[in-house]
Amino acid sequence: MTIRTNQKYTLEDISQRKQEVLQDIHTQHQVITGISQEIFAPFLPSSNQGHSSLIKKFYMGMAIFDGIMVGMKLFKSIRKIFLRNR
């Protein structure tokens, strides 16, 4: 909802406000990008030992397995929905 005022705006005021808003958008974009990189960053090994690559492979395998299981469950539930309509 916009509240109207009788204040007059000049082109300089509008361009200054535009720059402020663009700066705010740029700052928010950087914050969102940083947060998303933290959330979706892969697991970093805690040390440079040989077993860290084994653990990384295990996590990757479990993630793939979990993804396949979730996909199968979704497929079954969607399939049940369409079979009920017949």
Protein backbone atom coordinates (compact mmCIF):
# COMPACT_ATOMS: atom_id res chain seq x y z
CA MET A 1 0.00 0.00 0.00
CA THR A 2 1.43 3.35 -1.00
CA ILE A 3 0.76 6.50 0.98
CA ARG A 4 0.69 9.60 -1.18
CA THR A 5 2.28 12.78 0.02
CA ASN A 6 2.41 16.23 -1.48
CA GLN A 7 6.20 16.23 -1.48
CA LYS A 8 7.84 17.08 -4.78
CA TYR A 9 10.62 14.82 -6.04
CA THR A 10 13.36 15.95 -8.36
CA LEU A 11 15.28 13.82 -10.82
CA GLU A 12 18.30 14.05 -8.52
CA ASP A 13 16.26 12.65 -5.62
CA ILE A 14 15.00 9.81 -7.76
CA SER A 15 18.45 8.93 -9.10
CA GLN A 16 19.94 9.07 -5.59
CA ARG A 17 17.20 6.78 -4.27
CA LYS A 18 17.76 4.44 -7.20
CA GLN A 19 21.47 4.19 -6.35
CA GLU A 20 20.62 3.46 -2.70
CA VAL A 21 18.18 0.72 -3.67
CA LEU A 22 20.66 -0.82 -6.12
CA GLN A 23 23.31 -0.83 -3.41
CA ASP A 24 20.87 -2.53 -1.01
CA ILE A 25 20.02 -5.13 -3.64
CA HIS A 26 23.72 -5.79 -4.28
CA THR A 27 24.39 -6.20 -0.55
CA GLN A 28 21.43 -8.57 -0.13
CA HIS A 29 22.58 -10.57 -3.16
CA GLN A 30 26.03 -11.02 -1.61
CA VAL A 31 24.51 -12.14 1.70
CA ILE A 32 22.19 -14.63 0.00
CA THR A 33 25.03 -15.97 -2.13
CA GLY A 34 27.23 -16.45 0.93
CA ILE A 35 24.53 -18.25 2.86
CA SER A 36 23.66 -20.52 -0.05
CA GLN A 37 27.32 -21.42 -0.53
CA GLU A 38 27.58 -22.34 3.15
CA ILE A 39 24.45 -24.48 2.96
CA PHE A 40 25.24 -26.31 -0.26
CA ALA A 41 29.02 -26.58 0.16
CA PRO A 42 30.33 -30.14 0.03
CA PHE A 43 31.75 -31.69 3.15
CA LEU A 44 35.33 -30.63 3.64
CA PRO A 45 37.72 -33.28 4.91
CA SER A 46 38.97 -32.54 8.42
CA SER A 47 42.46 -33.75 7.62
CA ASN A 48 44.65 -34.72 4.69
CA GLN A 49 44.86 -38.35 5.73
CA GLY A 50 44.05 -41.20 3.36
CA HIS A 51 40.88 -42.26 5.13
CA SER A 52 39.19 -38.90 4.51
CA SER A 53 38.71 -39.76 0.83
CA LEU A 54 37.13 -43.06 1.88
CA ILE A 55 34.74 -41.23 4.17
CA LYS A 56 33.94 -38.76 1.41
CA LYS A 57 33.12 -41.63 -0.95
CA PHE A 58 30.93 -43.22 1.72
CA TYR A 59 28.99 -39.98 2.23
CA MET A 60 28.58 -39.59 -1.51
CA GLY A 61 27.31 -43.16 -1.84
CA MET A 62 24.85 -42.68 1.00
CA ALA A 63 23.59 -39.44 -0.56
CA ILE A 64 23.03 -41.20 -3.89
CA PHE A 65 21.27 -44.09 -2.18
CA ASP A 66 19.08 -41.70 -0.21
CA GLY A 67 18.21 -39.80 -3.37
CA ILE A 68 17.22 -43.01 -5.15
CA MET A 69 15.06 -44.11 -2.21
CA VAL A 70 13.27 -40.77 -2.01
CA GLY A 71 12.71 -40.84 -5.77
CA MET A 72 11.22 -44.33 -5.60
CA LYS A 73 8.88 -43.33 -2.78
CA LEU A 74 7.74 -40.26 -4.69
CA PHE A 75 7.21 -42.31 -7.83
CA LYS A 76 5.09 -44.82 -5.94
CA SER A 77 2.96 -42.15 -4.30
CA ILE A 78 2.38 -40.34 -7.60
CA ARG A 79 1.55 -43.62 -9.26
CA LYS A 80 -1.04 -44.40 -6.55
CA ILE A 81 -2.68 -41.03 -7.11
CA PHE A 82 -3.10 -41.67 -10.83
CA LEU A 83 -4.32 -45.24 -10.30
CA ARG A 84 -7.09 -44.01 -7.98
CA ASN A 85 -8.49 -41.79 -10.71
CA ARG A 86 -9.23 -44.70 -13.03
